[in-house]
Amino acid sequence: MATSNRREMKKLSDVRAIVDLAQKGYSDSKIAQELKMSRNTVRKYKKIYMEAQAKLNSDDPDKNVEELVEILNSDPKYDVHNRKPYKYNKEIDTFLEDIIKQEYENYRKHIYSKPLQKTKIHKMILDKGYQIGYTTISKKIDLKRKELMDKYFSSVDSKEQPDQN
């Protein structure tokens, strides 16, 4: 049995059903209800189908079916030219590392203060003048904490093991 993936491409038969119902005059809402999918999915595949039809420059929907199937089944093409540059840099990395190391030192010295919340760390970074998103920082915090704890536990494990000579 195949696993369900939200981002999975719909089957060609689903796209065909969407187009058939649309040509019969059904609204996007009614199509979505009939096919048990979201309205956005219906709109997306109607748009893909219409663009594919336009590329074929054909009034006959059955003409060049193979080309149409190829267009509908091709991987999406993403335009990455207008993306903003990645804003995580060495200064932010060093600042974040210092915060995480301080948390670690408090833990090691049995100063059981709670680790800082990710939102608080993100605000600290913004207050220093950096413009970076919460999600980016949140992922980096998780990564840094995991690396430090792995390092800590591997050093503890190596100290606890007696020499085997």
N, C-alpha and C. Protein backbone atom coordinates (compact mmCIF):
# COMPACT_ATOMS: atom_id res chain seq x y z
N MET A 1 0.84 -1.18 0.00
CA MET A 1 0.00 0.00 0.00
C MET A 1 0.89 1.24 0.00
N ALA A 2 0.61 2.18 -0.85
CA ALA A 2 1.42 3.39 -0.97
C ALA A 2 1.12 4.32 0.19
N THR A 3 2.16 5.01 0.65
CA THR A 3 1.96 5.97 1.73
C THR A 3 1.41 7.26 1.17
N SER A 4 0.66 7.96 1.97
CA SER A 4 0.06 9.22 1.54
C SER A 4 1.07 10.34 1.71
N ASN A 5 1.23 11.13 0.67
CA ASN A 5 2.14 12.26 0.72
C ASN A 5 1.37 13.49 0.26
N ARG A 6 1.30 14.52 1.12
CA ARG A 6 0.51 15.71 0.79
C ARG A 6 0.96 16.35 -0.50
N ARG A 7 2.25 16.30 -0.79
CA ARG A 7 2.79 16.98 -1.96
C ARG A 7 2.80 16.08 -3.19
N GLU A 8 2.24 14.90 -3.06
CA GLU A 8 2.26 13.95 -4.16
C GLU A 8 1.40 14.45 -5.32
N MET A 9 1.90 14.25 -6.53
CA MET A 9 1.19 14.66 -7.73
C MET A 9 -0.07 13.81 -7.87
N LYS A 10 -1.17 14.42 -8.26
CA LYS A 10 -2.40 13.68 -8.48
C LYS A 10 -2.24 12.79 -9.72
N LYS A 11 -3.01 11.72 -9.75
CA LYS A 11 -2.99 10.83 -10.91
C LYS A 11 -3.58 11.56 -12.10
N LEU A 12 -3.16 11.15 -13.27
CA LEU A 12 -3.67 11.75 -14.49
C LEU A 12 -5.18 11.60 -14.57
N SER A 13 -5.71 10.50 -14.05
CA SER A 13 -7.16 10.29 -14.07
C SER A 13 -7.87 11.33 -13.19
N ASP A 14 -7.22 11.74 -12.08
CA ASP A 14 -7.79 12.78 -11.23
C ASP A 14 -7.84 14.11 -11.99
N VAL A 15 -6.75 14.41 -12.68
CA VAL A 15 -6.69 15.65 -13.46
C VAL A 15 -7.77 15.62 -14.53
N ARG A 16 -7.90 14.49 -15.18
CA ARG A 16 -8.92 14.34 -16.23
C ARG A 16 -10.32 14.53 -15.65
N ALA A 17 -10.56 13.96 -14.47
CA ALA A 17 -11.88 14.10 -13.83
C ALA A 17 -12.14 15.57 -13.49
N ILE A 18 -11.12 16.27 -13.01
CA ILE A 18 -11.26 17.70 -12.71
C ILE A 18 -11.66 18.46 -13.96
N VAL A 19 -10.94 18.20 -15.05
CA VAL A 19 -11.19 18.92 -16.30
C VAL A 19 -12.57 18.57 -16.84
N ASP A 20 -12.94 17.30 -16.80
CA ASP A 20 -14.26 16.88 -17.30
C ASP A 20 -15.38 17.58 -16.54
N LEU A 21 -15.27 17.60 -15.21
CA LEU A 21 -16.31 18.25 -14.40
C LEU A 21 -16.35 19.76 -14.65
N ALA A 22 -15.17 20.34 -14.83
CA ALA A 22 -15.11 21.78 -15.11
C ALA A 22 -15.77 22.09 -16.44
N GLN A 23 -15.55 21.24 -17.45
CA GLN A 23 -16.14 21.45 -18.77
C GLN A 23 -17.66 21.24 -18.72
N LYS A 24 -18.14 20.48 -17.75
CA LYS A 24 -19.58 20.29 -17.59
C LYS A 24 -20.22 21.45 -16.82
N GLY A 25 -19.38 22.41 -16.39
CA GLY A 25 -19.90 23.60 -15.71
C GLY A 25 -19.88 23.54 -14.19
N TYR A 26 -19.26 22.52 -13.63
CA TYR A 26 -19.20 22.42 -12.17
C TYR A 26 -18.28 23.52 -11.62
N SER A 27 -18.62 24.04 -10.46
CA SER A 27 -17.75 25.03 -9.80
C SER A 27 -16.58 24.30 -9.16
N ASP A 28 -15.53 25.06 -8.83
CA ASP A 28 -14.37 24.47 -8.16
C ASP A 28 -14.76 23.80 -6.85
N SER A 29 -15.67 24.44 -6.13
CA SER A 29 -16.13 23.88 -4.85
C SER A 29 -16.84 22.55 -5.04
N LYS A 30 -17.70 22.50 -6.05
CA LYS A 30 -18.45 21.27 -6.31
C LYS A 30 -17.52 20.15 -6.78
N ILE A 31 -16.54 20.50 -7.63
CA ILE A 31 -15.55 19.51 -8.09
C ILE A 31 -14.77 18.97 -6.90
N ALA A 32 -14.33 19.87 -6.03
CA ALA A 32 -13.56 19.46 -4.86
C ALA A 32 -14.39 18.53 -3.97
N GLN A 33 -15.63 18.87 -3.82
CA GLN A 33 -16.53 18.05 -3.00
C GLN A 33 -16.73 16.67 -3.63
N GLU A 34 -16.96 16.63 -4.92
CA GLU A 34 -17.18 15.37 -5.64
C GLU A 34 -15.96 14.45 -5.58
N LEU A 35 -14.76 15.05 -5.76
CA LEU A 35 -13.52 14.25 -5.85
C LEU A 35 -12.79 14.14 -4.51
N LYS A 36 -13.38 14.73 -3.47
CA LYS A 36 -12.81 14.68 -2.12
C LYS A 36 -11.38 15.20 -2.09
N MET A 37 -11.23 16.43 -2.54
CA MET A 37 -9.94 17.12 -2.50
C MET A 37 -10.20 18.59 -2.25
N SER A 38 -9.16 19.34 -1.99
CA SER A 38 -9.35 20.76 -1.68
C SER A 38 -9.62 21.58 -2.95
N ARG A 39 -10.24 22.73 -2.75
CA ARG A 39 -10.50 23.64 -3.88
C ARG A 39 -9.19 24.10 -4.49
N ASN A 40 -8.19 24.34 -3.63
CA ASN A 40 -6.89 24.77 -4.16
C ASN A 40 -6.27 23.73 -5.08
N THR A 41 -6.44 22.46 -4.75
CA THR A 41 -5.94 21.38 -5.61
C THR A 41 -6.65 21.40 -6.95
N VAL A 42 -7.97 21.60 -6.90
CA VAL A 42 -8.76 21.66 -8.14
C VAL A 42 -8.26 22.83 -9.00
N ARG A 43 -8.11 23.99 -8.38
CA ARG A 43 -7.63 25.18 -9.12
C ARG A 43 -6.25 24.93 -9.72
N LYS A 44 -5.37 24.33 -8.92
CA LYS A 44 -4.00 24.07 -9.37
C LYS A 44 -3.98 23.19 -10.62
N TYR A 45 -4.72 22.09 -10.59
CA TYR A 45 -4.67 21.17 -11.72
C TYR A 45 -5.46 21.67 -12.92
N LYS A 46 -6.50 22.47 -12.68
CA LYS A 46 -7.17 23.11 -13.81
C LYS A 46 -6.20 24.06 -14.52
N LYS A 47 -5.46 24.82 -13.73
CA LYS A 47 -4.49 25.77 -14.28
C LYS A 47 -3.39 25.03 -15.06
N ILE A 48 -2.86 23.96 -14.48
CA ILE A 48 -1.81 23.19 -15.16
C ILE A 48 -2.35 22.64 -16.48
N TYR A 49 -3.56 22.12 -16.45
CA TYR A 49 -4.16 21.56 -17.66
C TYR A 49 -4.35 22.64 -18.73
N MET A 50 -4.88 23.78 -18.32
CA MET A 50 -5.12 24.87 -19.29
C MET A 50 -3.81 25.37 -19.89
N GLU A 51 -2.78 25.48 -19.07
CA GLU A 51 -1.47 25.91 -19.58
C GLU A 51 -0.92 24.88 -20.56
N ALA A 52 -1.10 23.60 -20.24
CA ALA A 52 -0.62 22.54 -21.13
C ALA A 52 -1.37 22.59 -22.46
N GLN A 53 -2.69 22.80 -22.39
CA GLN A 53 -3.50 22.90 -23.61
C GLN A 53 -3.04 24.08 -24.46
N ALA A 54 -2.76 25.20 -23.82
CA ALA A 54 -2.33 26.41 -24.53
C ALA A 54 -0.99 26.17 -25.23
N LYS A 55 -0.11 25.43 -24.59
CA LYS A 55 1.20 25.15 -25.18
C LYS A 55 1.06 24.31 -26.45
N LEU A 56 0.04 23.49 -26.49
CA LEU A 56 -0.16 22.62 -27.65
C LEU A 56 -0.81 23.37 -28.81
N ASN A 57 -1.38 24.53 -28.56
CA ASN A 57 -2.03 25.33 -29.60
C ASN A 57 -3.01 24.50 -30.41
N SER A 58 -3.85 23.77 -29.73
CA SER A 58 -4.78 22.90 -30.42
C SER A 58 -6.19 23.09 -29.88
N ASP A 59 -7.16 23.10 -30.81
CA ASP A 59 -8.55 23.18 -30.39
C ASP A 59 -9.09 21.81 -30.04
N ASP A 60 -8.44 20.77 -30.52
CA ASP A 60 -8.88 19.39 -30.30
C ASP A 60 -8.21 18.84 -29.04
N PRO A 61 -8.96 18.62 -27.95
CA PRO A 61 -8.35 18.15 -26.71
C PRO A 61 -7.72 16.76 -26.81
N ASP A 62 -8.19 15.95 -27.80
CA ASP A 62 -7.62 14.61 -27.93
C ASP A 62 -6.35 14.59 -28.79
N LYS A 63 -6.08 15.70 -29.46
CA LYS A 63 -4.90 15.78 -30.31
C LYS A 63 -3.65 15.92 -29.43
N ASN A 64 -2.59 15.27 -29.85
CA ASN A 64 -1.31 15.32 -29.13
C ASN A 64 -1.45 14.91 -27.67
N VAL A 65 -2.21 13.85 -27.43
CA VAL A 65 -2.45 13.38 -26.06
C VAL A 65 -1.15 13.02 -25.36
N GLU A 66 -0.23 12.42 -26.09
CA GLU A 66 1.04 12.02 -25.49
C GLU A 66 1.80 13.24 -24.97
N GLU A 67 1.79 14.31 -25.76
CA GLU A 67 2.47 15.54 -25.32
C GLU A 67 1.79 16.11 -24.08
N LEU A 68 0.48 16.07 -24.08
CA LEU A 68 -0.27 16.59 -22.95
C LEU A 68 0.03 15.78 -21.68
N VAL A 69 0.05 14.46 -21.82
CA VAL A 69 0.37 13.59 -20.68
C VAL A 69 1.78 13.90 -20.17
N GLU A 70 2.72 14.09 -21.08
CA GLU A 70 4.10 14.40 -20.70
C GLU A 70 4.16 15.72 -19.93
N ILE A 71 3.46 16.73 -20.40
CA ILE A 71 3.45 18.03 -19.72
C ILE A 71 2.85 17.91 -18.33
N LEU A 72 1.72 17.19 -18.23
CA LEU A 72 1.05 17.05 -16.94
C LEU A 72 1.85 16.23 -15.94
N ASN A 73 2.64 15.27 -16.43
CA ASN A 73 3.41 14.41 -15.54
C ASN A 73 4.82 14.91 -15.28
N SER A 74 5.23 16.00 -15.92
CA SER A 74 6.59 16.49 -15.72
C SER A 74 6.74 17.11 -14.33
N ASP A 75 7.95 17.10 -13.83
CA ASP A 75 8.22 17.69 -12.52
C ASP A 75 8.01 19.19 -12.60
N PRO A 76 7.56 19.79 -11.51
CA PRO A 76 7.38 21.24 -11.51
C PRO A 76 8.72 21.94 -11.66
N LYS A 77 8.69 23.08 -12.31
CA LYS A 77 9.91 23.85 -12.51
C LYS A 77 9.83 25.07 -11.60
N TYR A 78 10.81 25.19 -10.74
CA TYR A 78 10.81 26.28 -9.77
C TYR A 78 11.75 27.38 -10.23
N ASP A 79 11.30 28.60 -10.08
CA ASP A 79 12.12 29.74 -10.43
C ASP A 79 12.81 30.22 -9.15
N VAL A 80 14.11 29.98 -9.06
CA VAL A 80 14.85 30.35 -7.86
C VAL A 80 15.58 31.67 -8.01
N HIS A 81 15.40 32.34 -9.14
CA HIS A 81 16.12 33.58 -9.40
C HIS A 81 15.68 34.73 -8.51
N ASN A 82 14.44 34.72 -8.08
CA ASN A 82 13.95 35.84 -7.28
C ASN A 82 13.98 35.56 -5.78
N ARG A 83 14.64 34.47 -5.38
CA ARG A 83 14.74 34.17 -3.96
C ARG A 83 15.73 35.09 -3.29
N LYS A 84 15.45 35.39 -2.04
CA LYS A 84 16.35 36.23 -1.27
C LYS A 84 17.58 35.40 -0.86
N PRO A 85 18.71 36.06 -0.72
CA PRO A 85 19.90 35.32 -0.31
C PRO A 85 19.75 34.77 1.11
N TYR A 86 20.44 33.69 1.38
CA TYR A 86 20.42 33.04 2.67
C TYR A 86 21.07 33.97 3.68
N LYS A 87 20.39 34.27 4.76
CA LYS A 87 20.84 35.30 5.67
C LYS A 87 21.62 34.77 6.88
N TYR A 88 21.66 33.47 7.06
CA TYR A 88 22.40 32.90 8.19
C TYR A 88 23.88 33.01 7.88
N ASN A 89 24.62 33.68 8.75
CA ASN A 89 26.05 33.89 8.47
C ASN A 89 26.90 33.50 9.68
N LYS A 90 28.19 33.70 9.56
CA LYS A 90 29.14 33.28 10.59
C LYS A 90 28.91 34.03 11.91
N GLU A 91 28.59 35.34 11.83
CA GLU A 91 28.36 36.10 13.06
C GLU A 91 27.16 35.56 13.83
N ILE A 92 26.10 35.26 13.11
CA ILE A 92 24.90 34.71 13.77
C ILE A 92 25.24 33.33 14.34
N ASP A 93 25.98 32.56 13.58
CA ASP A 93 26.36 31.22 14.02
C ASP A 93 27.17 31.29 15.32
N THR A 94 28.13 32.21 15.37
CA THR A 94 28.96 32.37 16.58
C THR A 94 28.11 32.82 17.76
N PHE A 95 27.22 33.79 17.54
CA PHE A 95 26.34 34.29 18.59
C PHE A 95 25.45 33.16 19.12
N LEU A 96 24.88 32.38 18.21
CA LEU A 96 24.01 31.27 18.58
C LEU A 96 24.79 30.21 19.34
N GLU A 97 26.00 29.93 18.89
CA GLU A 97 26.85 28.94 19.55
C GLU A 97 27.16 29.38 20.98
N ASP A 98 27.43 30.65 21.18
CA ASP A 98 27.72 31.17 22.53
C ASP A 98 26.52 30.98 23.45
N ILE A 99 25.34 31.25 22.95
CA ILE A 99 24.12 31.07 23.75
C ILE A 99 23.94 29.61 24.14
N ILE A 100 24.10 28.72 23.17
CA ILE A 100 23.90 27.28 23.41
C ILE A 100 24.98 26.76 24.37
N LYS A 101 26.22 27.22 24.21
CA LYS A 101 27.29 26.80 25.12
C LYS A 101 27.02 27.26 26.55
N GLN A 102 26.47 28.46 26.70
CA GLN A 102 26.13 28.95 28.04
C GLN A 102 25.05 28.07 28.66
N GLU A 103 24.06 27.68 27.88
CA GLU A 103 23.04 26.76 28.37
C GLU A 103 23.68 25.45 28.82
N TYR A 104 24.60 24.95 28.03
CA TYR A 104 25.29 23.70 28.32
C TYR A 104 26.10 23.82 29.61
N GLU A 105 26.81 24.94 29.77
CA GLU A 105 27.61 25.15 30.98
C GLU A 105 26.72 25.20 32.22
N ASN A 106 25.59 25.86 32.12
CA ASN A 106 24.65 25.90 33.23
C ASN A 106 24.17 24.49 33.58
N TYR A 107 23.91 23.69 32.57
CA TYR A 107 23.46 22.31 32.77
C TYR A 107 24.57 21.50 33.43
N ARG A 108 25.79 21.68 32.94
CA ARG A 108 26.94 20.92 33.45
C ARG A 108 27.24 21.28 34.90
N LYS A 109 27.05 22.54 35.26
CA LYS A 109 27.32 23.01 36.62
C LYS A 109 26.11 22.80 37.53
N HIS A 110 25.13 22.09 37.04
CA HIS A 110 23.90 21.80 37.77
C HIS A 110 23.12 23.05 38.15
N ILE A 111 23.25 24.06 37.31
CA ILE A 111 22.40 25.23 37.44
C ILE A 111 21.22 24.96 36.52
N TYR A 112 20.16 24.43 37.09
CA TYR A 112 19.08 23.92 36.26
C TYR A 112 18.12 25.02 35.84
N SER A 113 18.63 25.96 35.12
CA SER A 113 17.73 26.95 34.53
C SER A 113 17.23 26.37 33.21
N LYS A 114 16.02 26.72 32.88
CA LYS A 114 15.47 26.22 31.62
C LYS A 114 16.26 26.79 30.46
N PRO A 115 16.40 26.01 29.38
CA PRO A 115 17.01 26.59 28.17
C PRO A 115 16.14 27.74 27.67
N LEU A 116 16.77 28.68 27.02
CA LEU A 116 16.02 29.80 26.47
C LEU A 116 15.04 29.30 25.41
N GLN A 117 13.91 29.94 25.34
CA GLN A 117 12.95 29.59 24.31
C GLN A 117 13.51 30.06 22.96
N LYS A 118 13.15 29.33 21.94
CA LYS A 118 13.63 29.68 20.59
C LYS A 118 13.17 31.07 20.18
N THR A 119 11.96 31.43 20.58
CA THR A 119 11.46 32.76 20.22
C THR A 119 12.29 33.85 20.88
N LYS A 120 12.74 33.59 22.11
CA LYS A 120 13.56 34.57 22.83
C LYS A 120 14.93 34.70 22.15
N ILE A 121 15.52 33.57 21.74
CA ILE A 121 16.80 33.60 21.04
C ILE A 121 16.65 34.35 19.72
N HIS A 122 15.57 34.08 19.01
CA HIS A 122 15.33 34.76 17.74
C HIS A 122 15.23 36.27 17.97
N LYS A 123 14.52 36.67 19.02
CA LYS A 123 14.40 38.10 19.33
C LYS A 123 15.76 38.70 19.66
N MET A 124 16.59 37.96 20.39
CA MET A 124 17.93 38.45 20.72
C MET A 124 18.74 38.70 19.44
N ILE A 125 18.60 37.81 18.48
CA ILE A 125 19.33 37.95 17.21
C ILE A 125 18.80 39.16 16.43
N LEU A 126 17.48 39.32 16.41
CA LEU A 126 16.89 40.48 15.74
C LEU A 126 17.32 41.78 16.42
N ASP A 127 17.39 41.76 17.75
CA ASP A 127 17.81 42.95 18.50
C ASP A 127 19.25 43.34 18.20
N LYS A 128 20.07 42.37 17.80
CA LYS A 128 21.46 42.68 17.44
C LYS A 128 21.55 43.28 16.04
N GLY A 129 20.40 43.35 15.35
CA GLY A 129 20.38 44.01 14.04
C GLY A 129 20.34 43.06 12.85
N TYR A 130 20.31 41.77 13.10
CA TYR A 130 20.25 40.80 12.01
C TYR A 130 18.81 40.60 11.58
N GLN A 131 18.59 40.43 10.30
CA GLN A 131 17.26 40.14 9.76
C GLN A 131 17.25 38.70 9.31
N ILE A 132 16.62 37.85 10.09
CA ILE A 132 16.57 36.43 9.76
C ILE A 132 15.28 35.85 10.32
N GLY A 133 14.72 34.89 9.61
CA GLY A 133 13.43 34.32 9.97
C GLY A 133 13.50 33.36 11.15
N TYR A 134 12.37 33.24 11.82
CA TYR A 134 12.28 32.37 12.99
C TYR A 134 12.55 30.91 12.64
N THR A 135 11.98 30.44 11.54
CA THR A 135 12.14 29.03 11.17
C THR A 135 13.61 28.68 10.96
N THR A 136 14.34 29.54 10.30
CA THR A 136 15.76 29.29 10.06
C THR A 136 16.50 29.17 11.39
N ILE A 137 16.26 30.11 12.29
CA ILE A 137 16.94 30.10 13.58
C ILE A 137 16.50 28.88 14.40
N SER A 138 15.23 28.57 14.37
CA SER A 138 14.71 27.44 15.13
C SER A 138 15.41 26.14 14.72
N LYS A 139 15.57 25.93 13.44
CA LYS A 139 16.24 24.72 12.95
C LYS A 139 17.71 24.71 13.37
N LYS A 140 18.36 25.86 13.32
CA LYS A 140 19.77 25.95 13.71
C LYS A 140 19.93 25.71 15.22
N ILE A 141 19.00 26.21 16.02
CA ILE A 141 19.05 25.99 17.47
C ILE A 141 18.97 24.50 17.76
N ASP A 142 18.00 23.83 17.12
CA ASP A 142 17.86 22.38 17.32
C ASP A 142 19.15 21.65 16.95
N LEU A 143 19.72 22.03 15.82
CA LEU A 143 20.95 21.40 15.35
C LEU A 143 22.10 21.63 16.33
N LYS A 144 22.28 22.88 16.76
CA LYS A 144 23.37 23.22 17.68
C LYS A 144 23.21 22.51 19.02
N ARG A 145 21.99 22.48 19.54
CA ARG A 145 21.76 21.80 20.82
C ARG A 145 22.06 20.31 20.71
N LYS A 146 21.63 19.72 19.62
CA LYS A 146 21.88 18.29 19.42
C LYS A 146 23.38 18.01 19.31
N GLU A 147 24.08 18.82 18.52
CA GLU A 147 25.53 18.64 18.38
C GLU A 147 26.24 18.72 19.73
N LEU A 148 25.88 19.71 20.51
CA LEU A 148 26.53 19.92 21.80
C LEU A 148 26.21 18.77 22.76
N MET A 149 24.97 18.33 22.79
CA MET A 149 24.61 17.22 23.68
C MET A 149 25.27 15.93 23.23
N ASP A 150 25.37 15.70 21.93
CA ASP A 150 26.07 14.51 21.43
C ASP A 150 27.54 14.55 21.86
N LYS A 151 28.14 15.73 21.75
CA LYS A 151 29.53 15.90 22.15
C LYS A 151 29.68 15.63 23.65
N TYR A 152 28.75 16.17 24.43
CA TYR A 152 28.78 16.00 25.88
C TYR A 152 28.67 14.53 26.25
N PHE A 153 27.67 13.85 25.70
CA PHE A 153 27.46 12.46 26.08
C PHE A 153 28.55 11.55 25.56
N SER A 154 29.15 11.87 24.43
CA SER A 154 30.25 11.04 23.95
C SER A 154 31.48 11.22 24.84
N SER A 155 31.70 12.42 25.39
CA SER A 155 32.83 12.62 26.30
C SER A 155 32.56 11.94 27.64
N VAL A 156 31.33 11.94 28.11
CA VAL A 156 30.98 11.27 29.36
C VAL A 156 31.15 9.76 29.19
N ASP A 157 30.71 9.22 28.07
CA ASP A 157 30.83 7.79 27.81
C ASP A 157 32.28 7.37 27.76
N SER A 158 33.13 8.16 27.14
CA SER A 158 34.55 7.79 27.02
C SER A 158 35.25 7.86 28.37
N LYS A 159 34.81 8.75 29.27
CA LYS A 159 35.41 8.86 30.60
C LYS A 159 34.97 7.69 31.49
N GLU A 160 33.77 7.20 31.29
CA GLU A 160 33.24 6.13 32.13
C GLU A 160 33.77 4.76 31.77
N GLN A 161 34.26 4.58 30.56
CA GLN A 161 34.75 3.28 30.13
C GLN A 161 36.16 3.06 30.68
N PRO A 162 36.38 1.96 31.41
CA PRO A 162 37.72 1.68 31.95
C PRO A 162 38.65 1.22 30.84
N ASP A 163 39.93 1.41 31.07
CA ASP A 163 40.92 0.91 30.12
C ASP A 163 40.82 -0.61 30.03
N GLN A 164 40.97 -1.11 28.83
CA GLN A 164 40.85 -2.55 28.64
C GLN A 164 42.21 -3.18 28.39
N ASN A 165 43.25 -2.62 28.96
CA ASN A 165 44.62 -3.18 28.80
C ASN A 165 44.90 -4.21 29.84
